[in-house]
Amino acid sequence: MKIGFHLTPFWSPTERCDGMDNNLNGAIDEGVLSTFYIDSDGDGFGSPGRTIEACTAPAGYAGSFSDCN
């Protein structure tokens, strides 16, 4: 009896924004993070003075830095 199986590699040549080193180059999420800007007044618009890079916007941050106040 022949038993077959399929091996799926645990790595990917393409980096994904998931907190893992998908392409096994020693860096995590390189080139796929977005910049988010502090939204001190909660209006959905951030200020360029304070930023964070992440996969998704953390609480209190916005994807736009066009806050007018």
PDB file of N, CA and C in Angstrom:
ATOM      1  N   MET A   1       0.849  -1.178   0.000  1.00  0.00           N
ATOM      2  CA  MET A   1       0.000   0.000   0.000  1.00  0.00           C
ATOM      3  C   MET A   1       0.887   1.230   0.000  1.00  0.00           C
ATOM      4  N   LYS A   2       0.590   2.150  -0.888  1.00  0.00           N
ATOM      5  CA  LYS A   2       1.330   3.404  -0.982  1.00  0.00           C
ATOM      6  C   LYS A   2       0.534   4.507  -0.297  1.00  0.00           C
ATOM      7  N   ILE A   3       1.165   5.170   0.618  1.00  0.00           N
ATOM      8  CA  ILE A   3       0.509   6.282   1.326  1.00  0.00           C
ATOM      9  C   ILE A   3       1.132   7.568   0.820  1.00  0.00           C
ATOM     10  N   GLY A   4       0.314   8.458   0.328  1.00  0.00           N
ATOM     11  CA  GLY A   4       0.810   9.729  -0.187  1.00  0.00           C
ATOM     12  C   GLY A   4       0.538  10.870   0.771  1.00  0.00           C
ATOM     13  N   PHE A   5       1.331  11.872   0.659  1.00  0.00           N
ATOM     14  CA  PHE A   5       1.121  13.075   1.458  1.00  0.00           C
ATOM     15  C   PHE A   5       1.694  14.260   0.705  1.00  0.00           C
ATOM     16  N   HIS A   6       1.277  15.409   1.107  1.00  0.00           N
ATOM     17  CA  HIS A   6       1.710  16.643   0.471  1.00  0.00           C
ATOM     18  C   HIS A   6       2.390  17.510   1.521  1.00  0.00           C
ATOM     19  N   LEU A   7       3.609  17.885   1.256  1.00  0.00           N
ATOM     20  CA  LEU A   7       4.326  18.771   2.179  1.00  0.00           C
ATOM     21  C   LEU A   7       4.096  20.218   1.771  1.00  0.00           C
ATOM     22  N   THR A   8       3.650  21.005   2.714  1.00  0.00           N
ATOM     23  CA  THR A   8       3.451  22.435   2.483  1.00  0.00           C
ATOM     24  C   THR A   8       4.540  23.186   3.227  1.00  0.00           C
ATOM     25  N   PRO A   9       5.311  24.029   2.534  1.00  0.00           N
ATOM     26  CA  PRO A   9       6.378  24.757   3.230  1.00  0.00           C
ATOM     27  C   PRO A   9       5.799  25.731   4.250  1.00  0.00           C
ATOM     28  N   PHE A  10       6.534  25.939   5.341  1.00  0.00           N
ATOM     29  CA  PHE A  10       6.079  26.857   6.389  1.00  0.00           C
ATOM     30  C   PHE A  10       6.494  28.284   6.087  1.00  0.00           C
ATOM     31  N   TRP A  11       7.253  28.490   5.069  1.00  0.00           N
ATOM     32  CA  TRP A  11       7.697  29.833   4.708  1.00  0.00           C
ATOM     33  C   TRP A  11       7.120  30.227   3.365  1.00  0.00           C
ATOM     34  N   SER A  12       7.172  31.500   3.118  1.00  0.00           N
ATOM     35  CA  SER A  12       6.676  32.031   1.861  1.00  0.00           C
ATOM     36  C   SER A  12       7.717  32.999   1.322  1.00  0.00           C
ATOM     37  N   PRO A  13       7.940  33.040   0.029  1.00  0.00           N
ATOM     38  CA  PRO A  13       8.890  34.008  -0.500  1.00  0.00           C
ATOM     39  C   PRO A  13       8.377  35.442  -0.397  1.00  0.00           C
ATOM     40  N   THR A  14       7.102  35.593  -0.089  1.00  0.00           N
ATOM     41  CA  THR A  14       6.484  36.906   0.029  1.00  0.00           C
ATOM     42  C   THR A  14       6.194  37.214   1.491  1.00  0.00           C
ATOM     43  N   GLU A  15       6.640  38.365   1.948  1.00  0.00           N
ATOM     44  CA  GLU A  15       6.370  38.793   3.321  1.00  0.00           C
ATOM     45  C   GLU A  15       4.917  39.222   3.454  1.00  0.00           C
ATOM     46  N   ARG A  16       4.274  38.822   4.534  1.00  0.00           N
ATOM     47  CA  ARG A  16       2.903  39.233   4.839  1.00  0.00           C
ATOM     48  C   ARG A  16       2.911  39.963   6.178  1.00  0.00           C
ATOM     49  N   CYS A  17       1.938  40.799   6.385  1.00  0.00           N
ATOM     50  CA  CYS A  17       1.836  41.566   7.615  1.00  0.00           C
ATOM     51  C   CYS A  17       1.119  40.716   8.666  1.00  0.00           C
ATOM     52  N   ASP A  18       1.903  39.885   9.368  1.00  0.00           N
ATOM     53  CA  ASP A  18       1.308  38.947  10.317  1.00  0.00           C
ATOM     54  C   ASP A  18       2.180  38.695  11.548  1.00  0.00           C
ATOM     55  N   GLY A  19       3.219  39.500  11.745  1.00  0.00           N
ATOM     56  CA  GLY A  19       4.069  39.336  12.914  1.00  0.00           C
ATOM     57  C   GLY A  19       5.052  38.182  12.807  1.00  0.00           C
ATOM     58  N   MET A  20       5.221  37.612  11.595  1.00  0.00           N
ATOM     59  CA  MET A  20       6.133  36.501  11.395  1.00  0.00           C
ATOM     60  C   MET A  20       7.129  36.836  10.284  1.00  0.00           C
ATOM     61  N   ASP A  21       8.231  36.126  10.276  1.00  0.00           N
ATOM     62  CA  ASP A  21       9.238  36.275   9.233  1.00  0.00           C
ATOM     63  C   ASP A  21       8.922  35.274   8.122  1.00  0.00           C
ATOM     64  N   ASN A  22       7.997  35.625   7.245  1.00  0.00           N
ATOM     65  CA  ASN A  22       7.518  34.709   6.214  1.00  0.00           C
ATOM     66  C   ASN A  22       8.584  34.313   5.200  1.00  0.00           C
ATOM     67  N   ASN A  23       9.504  35.215   4.877  1.00  0.00           N
ATOM     68  CA  ASN A  23      10.501  34.914   3.857  1.00  0.00           C
ATOM     69  C   ASN A  23      11.853  34.497   4.438  1.00  0.00           C
ATOM     70  N   LEU A  24      11.883  34.274   5.746  1.00  0.00           N
ATOM     71  CA  LEU A  24      13.059  33.741   6.452  1.00  0.00           C
ATOM     72  C   LEU A  24      14.346  34.522   6.206  1.00  0.00           C
ATOM     73  N   ASN A  25      14.241  35.841   6.224  1.00  0.00           N
ATOM     74  CA  ASN A  25      15.442  36.658   6.043  1.00  0.00           C
ATOM     75  C   ASN A  25      15.879  37.325   7.345  1.00  0.00           C
ATOM     76  N   GLY A  26      15.242  36.992   8.458  1.00  0.00           N
ATOM     77  CA  GLY A  26      15.617  37.533   9.756  1.00  0.00           C
ATOM     78  C   GLY A  26      14.882  38.802  10.151  1.00  0.00           C
ATOM     79  N   ALA A  27      14.045  39.338   9.271  1.00  0.00           N
ATOM     80  CA  ALA A  27      13.276  40.551   9.572  1.00  0.00           C
ATOM     81  C   ALA A  27      11.786  40.210   9.573  1.00  0.00           C
ATOM     82  N   ILE A  28      11.052  40.846  10.452  1.00  0.00           N
ATOM     83  CA  ILE A  28       9.614  40.586  10.582  1.00  0.00           C
ATOM     84  C   ILE A  28       8.821  41.715   9.956  1.00  0.00           C
ATOM     85  N   ASP A  29       7.921  41.368   9.047  1.00  0.00           N
ATOM     86  CA  ASP A  29       6.993  42.306   8.405  1.00  0.00           C
ATOM     87  C   ASP A  29       7.677  43.461   7.679  1.00  0.00           C
ATOM     88  N   GLU A  30       8.886  43.259   7.184  1.00  0.00           N
ATOM     89  CA  GLU A  30       9.575  44.337   6.476  1.00  0.00           C
ATOM     90  C   GLU A  30       8.895  44.621   5.144  1.00  0.00           C
ATOM     91  N   GLY A  31       8.691  45.907   4.899  1.00  0.00           N
ATOM     92  CA  GLY A  31       8.111  46.341   3.638  1.00  0.00           C
ATOM     93  C   GLY A  31       6.594  46.234   3.538  1.00  0.00           C
ATOM     94  N   VAL A  32       5.934  45.755   4.577  1.00  0.00           N
ATOM     95  CA  VAL A  32       4.479  45.589   4.493  1.00  0.00           C
ATOM     96  C   VAL A  32       3.727  46.356   5.587  1.00  0.00           C
ATOM     97  N   LEU A  33       4.440  47.014   6.473  1.00  0.00           N
ATOM     98  CA  LEU A  33       3.788  47.786   7.533  1.00  0.00           C
ATOM     99  C   LEU A  33       3.288  49.118   6.997  1.00  0.00           C
ATOM    100  N   SER A  34       2.249  49.640   7.595  1.00  0.00           N
ATOM    101  CA  SER A  34       1.707  50.955   7.245  1.00  0.00           C
ATOM    102  C   SER A  34       2.030  51.935   8.362  1.00  0.00           C
ATOM    103  N   THR A  35       2.088  53.205   8.036  1.00  0.00           N
ATOM    104  CA  THR A  35       2.340  54.254   9.020  1.00  0.00           C
ATOM    105  C   THR A  35       1.008  54.829   9.478  1.00  0.00           C
ATOM    106  N   PHE A  36       0.858  54.947  10.794  1.00  0.00           N
ATOM    107  CA  PHE A  36      -0.344  55.529  11.395  1.00  0.00           C
ATOM    108  C   PHE A  36       0.066  56.708  12.267  1.00  0.00           C
ATOM    109  N   TYR A  37      -0.830  57.692  12.366  1.00  0.00           N
ATOM    110  CA  TYR A  37      -0.543  58.965  13.019  1.00  0.00           C
ATOM    111  C   TYR A  37      -1.440  59.143  14.232  1.00  0.00           C
ATOM    112  N   ILE A  38      -0.859  59.687  15.316  1.00  0.00           N
ATOM    113  CA  ILE A  38      -1.615  59.898  16.554  1.00  0.00           C
ATOM    114  C   ILE A  38      -2.825  60.792  16.285  1.00  0.00           C
ATOM    115  N   ASP A  39      -3.966  60.362  16.771  1.00  0.00           N
ATOM    116  CA  ASP A  39      -5.219  61.114  16.625  1.00  0.00           C
ATOM    117  C   ASP A  39      -5.642  61.567  18.014  1.00  0.00           C
ATOM    118  N   SER A  40      -5.023  62.635  18.476  1.00  0.00           N
ATOM    119  CA  SER A  40      -5.233  63.104  19.851  1.00  0.00           C
ATOM    120  C   SER A  40      -6.651  63.539  20.153  1.00  0.00           C
ATOM    121  N   ASP A  41      -7.367  64.072  19.157  1.00  0.00           N
ATOM    122  CA  ASP A  41      -8.713  64.566  19.426  1.00  0.00           C
ATOM    123  C   ASP A  41      -9.819  63.615  18.965  1.00  0.00           C
ATOM    124  N   GLY A  42      -9.465  62.455  18.451  1.00  0.00           N
ATOM    125  CA  GLY A  42     -10.453  61.433  18.101  1.00  0.00           C
ATOM    126  C   GLY A  42     -11.332  61.746  16.907  1.00  0.00           C
ATOM    127  N   ASP A  43     -10.871  62.632  16.015  1.00  0.00           N
ATOM    128  CA  ASP A  43     -11.705  62.992  14.860  1.00  0.00           C
ATOM    129  C   ASP A  43     -11.433  62.137  13.618  1.00  0.00           C
ATOM    130  N   GLY A  44     -10.541  61.138  13.747  1.00  0.00           N
ATOM    131  CA  GLY A  44     -10.238  60.258  12.625  1.00  0.00           C
ATOM    132  C   GLY A  44      -9.098  60.740  11.753  1.00  0.00           C
ATOM    133  N   PHE A  45      -8.508  61.886  12.115  1.00  0.00           N
ATOM    134  CA  PHE A  45      -7.379  62.438  11.375  1.00  0.00           C
ATOM    135  C   PHE A  45      -6.207  62.604  12.335  1.00  0.00           C
ATOM    136  N   GLY A  46      -5.040  62.130  11.935  1.00  0.00           N
ATOM    137  CA  GLY A  46      -3.875  62.179  12.806  1.00  0.00           C
ATOM    138  C   GLY A  46      -2.992  63.375  12.567  1.00  0.00           C
ATOM    139  N   SER A  47      -2.005  63.525  13.439  1.00  0.00           N
ATOM    140  CA  SER A  47      -1.002  64.583  13.333  1.00  0.00           C
ATOM    141  C   SER A  47       0.334  63.939  12.997  1.00  0.00           C
ATOM    142  N   PRO A  48       1.120  64.558  12.105  1.00  0.00           N
ATOM    143  CA  PRO A  48       2.362  63.939  11.666  1.00  0.00           C
ATOM    144  C   PRO A  48       3.467  63.885  12.713  1.00  0.00           C
ATOM    145  N   GLY A  49       3.279  64.519  13.854  1.00  0.00           N
ATOM    146  CA  GLY A  49       4.324  64.569  14.874  1.00  0.00           C
ATOM    147  C   GLY A  49       4.626  63.254  15.567  1.00  0.00           C
ATOM    148  N   ARG A  50       3.676  62.358  15.645  1.00  0.00           N
ATOM    149  CA  ARG A  50       3.889  61.089  16.350  1.00  0.00           C
ATOM    150  C   ARG A  50       3.299  59.959  15.523  1.00  0.00           C
ATOM    151  N   THR A  51       4.137  59.021  15.109  1.00  0.00           N
ATOM    152  CA  THR A  51       3.698  57.930  14.238  1.00  0.00           C
ATOM    153  C   THR A  51       4.055  56.570  14.825  1.00  0.00           C
ATOM    154  N   ILE A  52       3.438  55.547  14.264  1.00  0.00           N
ATOM    155  CA  ILE A  52       3.740  54.167  14.604  1.00  0.00           C
ATOM    156  C   ILE A  52       3.572  53.349  13.332  1.00  0.00           C
ATOM    157  N   GLU A  53       4.386  52.333  13.154  1.00  0.00           N
ATOM    158  CA  GLU A  53       4.227  51.422  12.029  1.00  0.00           C
ATOM    159  C   GLU A  53       3.593  50.136  12.528  1.00  0.00           C
ATOM    160  N   ALA A  54       2.539  49.700  11.848  1.00  0.00           N
ATOM    161  CA  ALA A  54       1.809  48.506  12.262  1.00  0.00           C
ATOM    162  C   ALA A  54       1.044  47.941  11.062  1.00  0.00           C
ATOM    163  N   CYS A  55       0.476  46.766  11.256  1.00  0.00           N
ATOM    164  CA  CYS A  55      -0.343  46.151  10.200  1.00  0.00           C
ATOM    165  C   CYS A  55      -1.707  46.823  10.110  1.00  0.00           C
ATOM    166  N   THR A  56      -2.278  47.156  11.247  1.00  0.00           N
ATOM    167  CA  THR A  56      -3.568  47.842  11.308  1.00  0.00           C
ATOM    168  C   THR A  56      -3.455  48.994  12.297  1.00  0.00           C
ATOM    169  N   ALA A  57      -4.345  49.946  12.175  1.00  0.00           N
ATOM    170  CA  ALA A  57      -4.298  51.134  13.048  1.00  0.00           C
ATOM    171  C   ALA A  57      -4.615  50.774  14.492  1.00  0.00           C
ATOM    172  N   PRO A  58      -3.690  51.045  15.412  1.00  0.00           N
ATOM    173  CA  PRO A  58      -3.983  50.840  16.832  1.00  0.00           C
ATOM    174  C   PRO A  58      -4.996  51.880  17.317  1.00  0.00           C
ATOM    175  N   ALA A  59      -5.624  51.619  18.429  1.00  0.00           N
ATOM    176  CA  ALA A  59      -6.567  52.576  19.019  1.00  0.00           C
ATOM    177  C   ALA A  59      -5.855  53.914  19.233  1.00  0.00           C
ATOM    178  N   GLY A  60      -6.512  54.993  18.848  1.00  0.00           N
ATOM    179  CA  GLY A  60      -5.955  56.322  19.025  1.00  0.00           C
ATOM    180  C   GLY A  60      -5.069  56.785  17.887  1.00  0.00           C
ATOM    181  N   TYR A  61      -5.008  56.015  16.812  1.00  0.00           N
ATOM    182  CA  TYR A  61      -4.201  56.369  15.646  1.00  0.00           C
ATOM    183  C   TYR A  61      -5.069  56.375  14.398  1.00  0.00           C
ATOM    184  N   ALA A  62      -4.650  57.137  13.392  1.00  0.00           N
ATOM    185  CA  ALA A  62      -5.391  57.239  12.130  1.00  0.00           C
ATOM    186  C   ALA A  62      -4.425  57.040  10.962  1.00  0.00           C
ATOM    187  N   GLY A  63      -4.968  56.667   9.829  1.00  0.00           N
ATOM    188  CA  GLY A  63      -4.163  56.447   8.640  1.00  0.00           C
ATOM    189  C   GLY A  63      -3.868  57.725   7.874  1.00  0.00           C
ATOM    190  N   SER A  64      -4.488  58.817   8.235  1.00  0.00           N
ATOM    191  CA  SER A  64      -4.298  60.095   7.565  1.00  0.00           C
ATOM    192  C   SER A  64      -3.673  61.089   8.543  1.00  0.00           C
ATOM    193  N   PHE A  65      -2.767  61.930   8.042  1.00  0.00           N
ATOM    194  CA  PHE A  65      -2.139  62.925   8.926  1.00  0.00           C
ATOM    195  C   PHE A  65      -2.624  64.337   8.608  1.00  0.00           C
ATOM    196  N   SER A  66      -3.849  64.459   8.128  1.00  0.00           N
ATOM    197  CA  SER A  66      -4.366  65.770   7.720  1.00  0.00           C
ATOM    198  C   SER A  66      -5.230  66.432   8.796  1.00  0.00           C
ATOM    199  N   ASP A  67      -4.885  66.258  10.055  1.00  0.00           N
ATOM    200  CA  ASP A  67      -5.649  66.888  11.135  1.00  0.00           C
ATOM    201  C   ASP A  67      -5.461  68.392  11.056  1.00  0.00           C
ATOM    202  N   CYS A  68      -6.569  69.126  11.070  1.00  0.00           N
ATOM    203  CA  CYS A  68      -6.476  70.583  10.937  1.00  0.00           C
ATOM    204  C   CYS A  68      -6.543  71.309  12.282  1.00  0.00           C
ATOM    205  N   ASN A  69      -6.699  70.568  13.384  1.00  0.00           N
ATOM    206  CA  ASN A  69      -6.746  71.253  14.676  1.00  0.00           C
ATOM    207  C   ASN A  69      -5.920  70.565  15.707  1.00  0.00           C
TER     208      ASN A  69
END
